[in-house]
Amino acid sequence: MTILQKSVRYDRGGKPVEVVIPYEEFLDFIETYGLDLSDEEKDSIREAKADREAGRTGNFVALEDLEKDLGL
């Protein structure tokens, strides 16, 4: 788990009202949790996960094949 650098702002009653984090950490957070993905991309991920769980592997590529195709 990543620890975010943050600054918590409080109202006059001491209740937290907002959190400020460095912009780069915000971008990392958004990417890590997939919040930057479109609805179409999220649907594709859900579909791939369902296919994998159901044993439908025809649309998947073996890591070794991918590395070979990329010249790695």
PDB file of N, CA and C in Angstrom:
ATOM      1  N   MET A   1       0.840  -1.177   0.000  1.00  0.00           N
ATOM      2  CA  MET A   1       0.000   0.000   0.000  1.00  0.00           C
ATOM      3  C   MET A   1       0.888   1.245   0.000  1.00  0.00           C
ATOM      4  N   THR A   2       0.541   2.187  -0.829  1.00  0.00           N
ATOM      5  CA  THR A   2       1.299   3.424  -0.945  1.00  0.00           C
ATOM      6  C   THR A   2       0.826   4.433   0.092  1.00  0.00           C
ATOM      7  N   ILE A   3       1.753   5.109   0.708  1.00  0.00           N
ATOM      8  CA  ILE A   3       1.425   6.174   1.655  1.00  0.00           C
ATOM      9  C   ILE A   3       1.499   7.493   0.898  1.00  0.00           C
ATOM     10  N   LEU A   4       0.399   8.232   0.892  1.00  0.00           N
ATOM     11  CA  LEU A   4       0.355   9.525   0.209  1.00  0.00           C
ATOM     12  C   LEU A   4       0.848  10.630   1.133  1.00  0.00           C
ATOM     13  N   GLN A   5       1.639  11.533   0.571  1.00  0.00           N
ATOM     14  CA  GLN A   5       1.947  12.764   1.292  1.00  0.00           C
ATOM     15  C   GLN A   5       0.678  13.599   1.221  1.00  0.00           C
ATOM     16  N   LYS A   6       0.253  14.128   2.327  1.00  0.00           N
ATOM     17  CA  LYS A   6      -1.003  14.866   2.300  1.00  0.00           C
ATOM     18  C   LYS A   6      -1.019  15.965   3.348  1.00  0.00           C
ATOM     19  N   SER A   7      -1.916  16.900   3.114  1.00  0.00           N
ATOM     20  CA  SER A   7      -2.188  17.965   4.065  1.00  0.00           C
ATOM     21  C   SER A   7      -3.700  17.997   4.251  1.00  0.00           C
ATOM     22  N   VAL A   8      -4.147  17.784   5.476  1.00  0.00           N
ATOM     23  CA  VAL A   8      -5.581  17.773   5.760  1.00  0.00           C
ATOM     24  C   VAL A   8      -5.993  19.158   6.236  1.00  0.00           C
ATOM     25  N   ARG A   9      -7.067  19.665   5.660  1.00  0.00           N
ATOM     26  CA  ARG A   9      -7.613  20.969   6.059  1.00  0.00           C
ATOM     27  C   ARG A   9      -8.880  20.728   6.881  1.00  0.00           C
ATOM     28  N   TYR A  10      -9.021  21.498   7.944  1.00  0.00           N
ATOM     29  CA  TYR A  10     -10.136  21.324   8.876  1.00  0.00           C
ATOM     30  C   TYR A  10     -10.998  22.574   8.922  1.00  0.00           C
ATOM     31  N   ASP A  11     -12.287  22.380   9.242  1.00  0.00           N
ATOM     32  CA  ASP A  11     -13.150  23.543   9.438  1.00  0.00           C
ATOM     33  C   ASP A  11     -12.946  24.069  10.859  1.00  0.00           C
ATOM     34  N   ARG A  12     -13.666  25.100  11.214  1.00  0.00           N
ATOM     35  CA  ARG A  12     -13.477  25.728  12.530  1.00  0.00           C
ATOM     36  C   ARG A  12     -13.843  24.798  13.679  1.00  0.00           C
ATOM     37  N   GLY A  13     -14.674  23.810  13.401  1.00  0.00           N
ATOM     38  CA  GLY A  13     -15.056  22.852  14.433  1.00  0.00           C
ATOM     39  C   GLY A  13     -14.103  21.673  14.544  1.00  0.00           C
ATOM     40  N   GLY A  14     -13.064  21.667  13.717  1.00  0.00           N
ATOM     41  CA  GLY A  14     -12.085  20.595  13.764  1.00  0.00           C
ATOM     42  C   GLY A  14     -12.416  19.401  12.879  1.00  0.00           C
ATOM     43  N   LYS A  15     -13.490  19.534  12.083  1.00  0.00           N
ATOM     44  CA  LYS A  15     -13.886  18.447  11.185  1.00  0.00           C
ATOM     45  C   LYS A  15     -13.061  18.532   9.898  1.00  0.00           C
ATOM     46  N   PRO A  16     -12.467  17.401   9.452  1.00  0.00           N
ATOM     47  CA  PRO A  16     -11.717  17.442   8.196  1.00  0.00           C
ATOM     48  C   PRO A  16     -12.649  17.728   7.021  1.00  0.00           C
ATOM     49  N   VAL A  17     -12.240  18.654   6.148  1.00  0.00           N
ATOM     50  CA  VAL A  17     -13.089  19.039   5.017  1.00  0.00           C
ATOM     51  C   VAL A  17     -12.431  18.799   3.663  1.00  0.00           C
ATOM     52  N   GLU A  18     -11.101  18.715   3.614  1.00  0.00           N
ATOM     53  CA  GLU A  18     -10.432  18.435   2.348  1.00  0.00           C
ATOM     54  C   GLU A  18      -9.022  17.936   2.608  1.00  0.00           C
ATOM     55  N   VAL A  19      -8.506  17.256   1.599  1.00  0.00           N
ATOM     56  CA  VAL A  19      -7.142  16.744   1.653  1.00  0.00           C
ATOM     57  C   VAL A  19      -6.416  17.247   0.416  1.00  0.00           C
ATOM     58  N   VAL A  20      -5.223  17.772   0.608  1.00  0.00           N
ATOM     59  CA  VAL A  20      -4.396  18.249  -0.495  1.00  0.00           C
ATOM     60  C   VAL A  20      -3.214  17.288  -0.621  1.00  0.00           C
ATOM     61  N   ILE A  21      -2.996  16.781  -1.856  1.00  0.00           N
ATOM     62  CA  ILE A  21      -1.863  15.897  -2.115  1.00  0.00           C
ATOM     63  C   ILE A  21      -1.071  16.455  -3.294  1.00  0.00           C
ATOM     64  N   PRO A  22       0.216  16.117  -3.384  1.00  0.00           N
ATOM     65  CA  PRO A  22       1.006  16.567  -4.533  1.00  0.00           C
ATOM     66  C   PRO A  22       0.392  16.053  -5.841  1.00  0.00           C
ATOM     67  N   TYR A  23       0.478  16.859  -6.885  1.00  0.00           N
ATOM     68  CA  TYR A  23      -0.146  16.543  -8.166  1.00  0.00           C
ATOM     69  C   TYR A  23       0.339  15.213  -8.736  1.00  0.00           C
ATOM     70  N   GLU A  24       1.643  14.945  -8.677  1.00  0.00           N
ATOM     71  CA  GLU A  24       2.179  13.683  -9.207  1.00  0.00           C
ATOM     72  C   GLU A  24       1.593  12.487  -8.465  1.00  0.00           C
ATOM     73  N   GLU A  25       1.409  12.612  -7.160  1.00  0.00           N
ATOM     74  CA  GLU A  25       0.804  11.523  -6.390  1.00  0.00           C
ATOM     75  C   GLU A  25      -0.662  11.355  -6.765  1.00  0.00           C
ATOM     76  N   PHE A  26      -1.341  12.449  -7.048  1.00  0.00           N
ATOM     77  CA  PHE A  26      -2.724  12.394  -7.518  1.00  0.00           C
ATOM     78  C   PHE A  26      -2.798  11.613  -8.828  1.00  0.00           C
ATOM     79  N   LEU A  27      -1.900  11.926  -9.776  1.00  0.00           N
ATOM     80  CA  LEU A  27      -1.891  11.220 -11.059  1.00  0.00           C
ATOM     81  C   LEU A  27      -1.615   9.733 -10.866  1.00  0.00           C
ATOM     82  N   ASP A  28      -0.665   9.401 -10.006  1.00  0.00           N
ATOM     83  CA  ASP A  28      -0.371   7.995  -9.716  1.00  0.00           C
ATOM     84  C   ASP A  28      -1.588   7.295  -9.123  1.00  0.00           C
ATOM     85  N   PHE A  29      -2.284   7.953  -8.219  1.00  0.00           N
ATOM     86  CA  PHE A  29      -3.480   7.401  -7.583  1.00  0.00           C
ATOM     87  C   PHE A  29      -4.557   7.129  -8.626  1.00  0.00           C
ATOM     88  N   ILE A  30      -4.803   8.097  -9.492  1.00  0.00           N
ATOM     89  CA  ILE A  30      -5.817   7.966 -10.539  1.00  0.00           C
ATOM     90  C   ILE A  30      -5.491   6.781 -11.444  1.00  0.00           C
ATOM     91  N   GLU A  31      -4.230   6.663 -11.844  1.00  0.00           N
ATOM     92  CA  GLU A  31      -3.828   5.575 -12.738  1.00  0.00           C
ATOM     93  C   GLU A  31      -3.890   4.225 -12.033  1.00  0.00           C
ATOM     94  N   THR A  32      -3.414   4.158 -10.804  1.00  0.00           N
ATOM     95  CA  THR A  32      -3.390   2.903 -10.058  1.00  0.00           C
ATOM     96  C   THR A  32      -4.782   2.314  -9.904  1.00  0.00           C
ATOM     97  N   TYR A  33      -5.761   3.145  -9.632  1.00  0.00           N
ATOM     98  CA  TYR A  33      -7.115   2.659  -9.390  1.00  0.00           C
ATOM     99  C   TYR A  33      -8.000   2.706 -10.630  1.00  0.00           C
ATOM    100  N   GLY A  34      -7.405   2.973 -11.788  1.00  0.00           N
ATOM    101  CA  GLY A  34      -8.152   2.920 -13.042  1.00  0.00           C
ATOM    102  C   GLY A  34      -9.164   4.028 -13.212  1.00  0.00           C
ATOM    103  N   LEU A  35      -9.003   5.098 -12.478  1.00  0.00           N
ATOM    104  CA  LEU A  35      -9.967   6.194 -12.550  1.00  0.00           C
ATOM    105  C   LEU A  35      -9.797   7.030 -13.804  1.00  0.00           C
ATOM    106  N   ASP A  36      -8.713   6.777 -14.542  1.00  0.00           N
ATOM    107  CA  ASP A  36      -8.463   7.512 -15.780  1.00  0.00           C
ATOM    108  C   ASP A  36      -8.968   6.758 -17.008  1.00  0.00           C
ATOM    109  N   LEU A  37      -9.607   5.612 -16.797  1.00  0.00           N
ATOM    110  CA  LEU A  37     -10.084   4.794 -17.908  1.00  0.00           C
ATOM    111  C   LEU A  37     -11.472   5.227 -18.362  1.00  0.00           C
ATOM    112  N   SER A  38     -11.715   5.102 -19.659  1.00  0.00           N
ATOM    113  CA  SER A  38     -13.045   5.392 -20.192  1.00  0.00           C
ATOM    114  C   SER A  38     -13.984   4.244 -19.829  1.00  0.00           C
ATOM    115  N   ASP A  39     -15.276   4.472 -19.969  1.00  0.00           N
ATOM    116  CA  ASP A  39     -16.255   3.417 -19.710  1.00  0.00           C
ATOM    117  C   ASP A  39     -16.017   2.222 -20.631  1.00  0.00           C
ATOM    118  N   GLU A  40     -15.646   2.494 -21.872  1.00  0.00           N
ATOM    119  CA  GLU A  40     -15.373   1.419 -22.832  1.00  0.00           C
ATOM    120  C   GLU A  40     -14.178   0.568 -22.382  1.00  0.00           C
ATOM    121  N   GLU A  41     -13.133   1.226 -21.900  1.00  0.00           N
ATOM    122  CA  GLU A  41     -11.960   0.490 -21.419  1.00  0.00           C
ATOM    123  C   GLU A  41     -12.307  -0.346 -20.190  1.00  0.00           C
ATOM    124  N   LYS A  42     -13.101   0.208 -19.288  1.00  0.00           N
ATOM    125  CA  LYS A  42     -13.521  -0.540 -18.099  1.00  0.00           C
ATOM    126  C   LYS A  42     -14.358  -1.747 -18.489  1.00  0.00           C
ATOM    127  N   ASP A  43     -15.259  -1.575 -19.467  1.00  0.00           N
ATOM    128  CA  ASP A  43     -16.073  -2.695 -19.950  1.00  0.00           C
ATOM    129  C   ASP A  43     -15.194  -3.787 -20.546  1.00  0.00           C
ATOM    130  N   SER A  44     -14.171  -3.399 -21.305  1.00  0.00           N
ATOM    131  CA  SER A  44     -13.255  -4.376 -21.907  1.00  0.00           C
ATOM    132  C   SER A  44     -12.515  -5.167 -20.832  1.00  0.00           C
ATOM    133  N   ILE A  45     -12.104  -4.493 -19.782  1.00  0.00           N
ATOM    134  CA  ILE A  45     -11.407  -5.169 -18.685  1.00  0.00           C
ATOM    135  C   ILE A  45     -12.343  -6.146 -17.990  1.00  0.00           C
ATOM    136  N   ARG A  46     -13.589  -5.726 -17.734  1.00  0.00           N
ATOM    137  CA  ARG A  46     -14.564  -6.620 -17.098  1.00  0.00           C
ATOM    138  C   ARG A  46     -14.823  -7.851 -17.969  1.00  0.00           C
ATOM    139  N   GLU A  47     -14.944  -7.627 -19.267  1.00  0.00           N
ATOM    140  CA  GLU A  47     -15.186  -8.722 -20.204  1.00  0.00           C
ATOM    141  C   GLU A  47     -14.003  -9.695 -20.224  1.00  0.00           C
ATOM    142  N   ALA A  48     -12.797  -9.172 -20.251  1.00  0.00           N
ATOM    143  CA  ALA A  48     -11.608 -10.024 -20.246  1.00  0.00           C
ATOM    144  C   ALA A  48     -11.517 -10.827 -18.953  1.00  0.00           C
ATOM    145  N   LYS A  49     -11.844 -10.194 -17.839  1.00  0.00           N
ATOM    146  CA  LYS A  49     -11.813 -10.893 -16.553  1.00  0.00           C
ATOM    147  C   LYS A  49     -12.838 -12.019 -16.537  1.00  0.00           C
ATOM    148  N   ALA A  50     -14.035 -11.753 -17.038  1.00  0.00           N
ATOM    149  CA  ALA A  50     -15.075 -12.781 -17.095  1.00  0.00           C
ATOM    150  C   ALA A  50     -14.650 -13.929 -18.011  1.00  0.00           C
ATOM    151  N   ASP A  51     -14.040 -13.603 -19.149  1.00  0.00           N
ATOM    152  CA  ASP A  51     -13.551 -14.639 -20.068  1.00  0.00           C
ATOM    153  C   ASP A  51     -12.506 -15.514 -19.387  1.00  0.00           C
ATOM    154  N   ARG A  52     -11.576 -14.886 -18.700  1.00  0.00           N
ATOM    155  CA  ARG A  52     -10.523 -15.636 -18.019  1.00  0.00           C
ATOM    156  C   ARG A  52     -11.110 -16.550 -16.948  1.00  0.00           C
ATOM    157  N   GLU A  53     -12.040 -16.016 -16.160  1.00  0.00           N
ATOM    158  CA  GLU A  53     -12.650 -16.807 -15.089  1.00  0.00           C
ATOM    159  C   GLU A  53     -13.465 -17.970 -15.636  1.00  0.00           C
ATOM    160  N   ALA A  54     -14.017 -17.809 -16.845  1.00  0.00           N
ATOM    161  CA  ALA A  54     -14.815 -18.862 -17.477  1.00  0.00           C
ATOM    162  C   ALA A  54     -13.951 -19.822 -18.293  1.00  0.00           C
ATOM    163  N   GLY A  55     -12.649 -19.563 -18.342  1.00  0.00           N
ATOM    164  CA  GLY A  55     -11.751 -20.441 -19.076  1.00  0.00           C
ATOM    165  C   GLY A  55     -11.703 -20.182 -20.568  1.00  0.00           C
ATOM    166  N   ARG A  56     -12.281 -19.078 -21.004  1.00  0.00           N
ATOM    167  CA  ARG A  56     -12.238 -18.719 -22.429  1.00  0.00           C
ATOM    168  C   ARG A  56     -10.936 -17.954 -22.681  1.00  0.00           C
ATOM    169  N   THR A  57      -9.952 -18.639 -23.236  1.00  0.00           N
ATOM    170  CA  THR A  57      -8.625 -18.039 -23.389  1.00  0.00           C
ATOM    171  C   THR A  57      -8.270 -17.700 -24.830  1.00  0.00           C
ATOM    172  N   GLY A  58      -9.188 -17.876 -25.751  1.00  0.00           N
ATOM    173  CA  GLY A  58      -8.908 -17.652 -27.167  1.00  0.00           C
ATOM    174  C   GLY A  58      -8.474 -16.242 -27.512  1.00  0.00           C
ATOM    175  N   ASN A  59      -8.910 -15.263 -26.746  1.00  0.00           N
ATOM    176  CA  ASN A  59      -8.562 -13.868 -27.037  1.00  0.00           C
ATOM    177  C   ASN A  59      -7.307 -13.400 -26.311  1.00  0.00           C
ATOM    178  N   PHE A  60      -6.680 -14.291 -25.558  1.00  0.00           N
ATOM    179  CA  PHE A  60      -5.496 -13.924 -24.790  1.00  0.00           C
ATOM    180  C   PHE A  60      -4.236 -14.340 -25.529  1.00  0.00           C
ATOM    181  N   VAL A  61      -3.141 -13.633 -25.262  1.00  0.00           N
ATOM    182  CA  VAL A  61      -1.845 -13.917 -25.870  1.00  0.00           C
ATOM    183  C   VAL A  61      -0.888 -14.316 -24.751  1.00  0.00           C
ATOM    184  N   ALA A  62      -0.148 -15.396 -24.971  1.00  0.00           N
ATOM    185  CA  ALA A  62       0.835 -15.832 -23.980  1.00  0.00           C
ATOM    186  C   ALA A  62       1.928 -14.773 -23.845  1.00  0.00           C
ATOM    187  N   LEU A  63       2.413 -14.588 -22.631  1.00  0.00           N
ATOM    188  CA  LEU A  63       3.459 -13.601 -22.376  1.00  0.00           C
ATOM    189  C   LEU A  63       4.679 -13.849 -23.262  1.00  0.00           C
ATOM    190  N   GLU A  64       5.055 -15.102 -23.413  1.00  0.00           N
ATOM    191  CA  GLU A  64       6.216 -15.437 -24.243  1.00  0.00           C
ATOM    192  C   GLU A  64       6.001 -14.986 -25.684  1.00  0.00           C
ATOM    193  N   ASP A  65       4.792 -15.176 -26.210  1.00  0.00           N
ATOM    194  CA  ASP A  65       4.489 -14.749 -27.581  1.00  0.00           C
ATOM    195  C   ASP A  65       4.531 -13.230 -27.709  1.00  0.00           C
ATOM    196  N   LEU A  66       4.011 -12.545 -26.713  1.00  0.00           N
ATOM    197  CA  LEU A  66       4.022 -11.089 -26.727  1.00  0.00           C
ATOM    198  C   LEU A  66       5.451 -10.555 -26.695  1.00  0.00           C
ATOM    199  N   GLU A  67       6.265 -11.127 -25.814  1.00  0.00           N
ATOM    200  CA  GLU A  67       7.667 -10.708 -25.736  1.00  0.00           C
ATOM    201  C   GLU A  67       8.376 -10.947 -27.069  1.00  0.00           C
ATOM    202  N   LYS A  68       8.095 -12.079 -27.700  1.00  0.00           N
ATOM    203  CA  LYS A  68       8.712 -12.385 -28.994  1.00  0.00           C
ATOM    204  C   LYS A  68       8.278 -11.361 -30.038  1.00  0.00           C
ATOM    205  N   ASP A  69       6.977 -11.055 -30.078  1.00  0.00           N
ATOM    206  CA  ASP A  69       6.459 -10.079 -31.042  1.00  0.00           C
ATOM    207  C   ASP A  69       7.068  -8.694 -30.834  1.00  0.00           C
ATOM    208  N   LEU A  70       7.347  -8.360 -29.573  1.00  0.00           N
ATOM    209  CA  LEU A  70       7.914  -7.049 -29.257  1.00  0.00           C
ATOM    210  C   LEU A  70       9.437  -7.037 -29.322  1.00  0.00           C
ATOM    211  N   GLY A  71      10.027  -8.197 -29.570  1.00  0.00           N
ATOM    212  CA  GLY A  71      11.483  -8.281 -29.651  1.00  0.00           C
ATOM    213  C   GLY A  71      12.174  -8.163 -28.313  1.00  0.00           C
ATOM    214  N   LEU A  72      11.523  -8.616 -27.278  1.00  0.00           N
ATOM    215  CA  LEU A  72      12.112  -8.528 -25.924  1.00  0.00           C
ATOM    216  C   LEU A  72      12.787  -9.826 -25.526  1.00  0.00           C
TER     217      LEU A  72
END
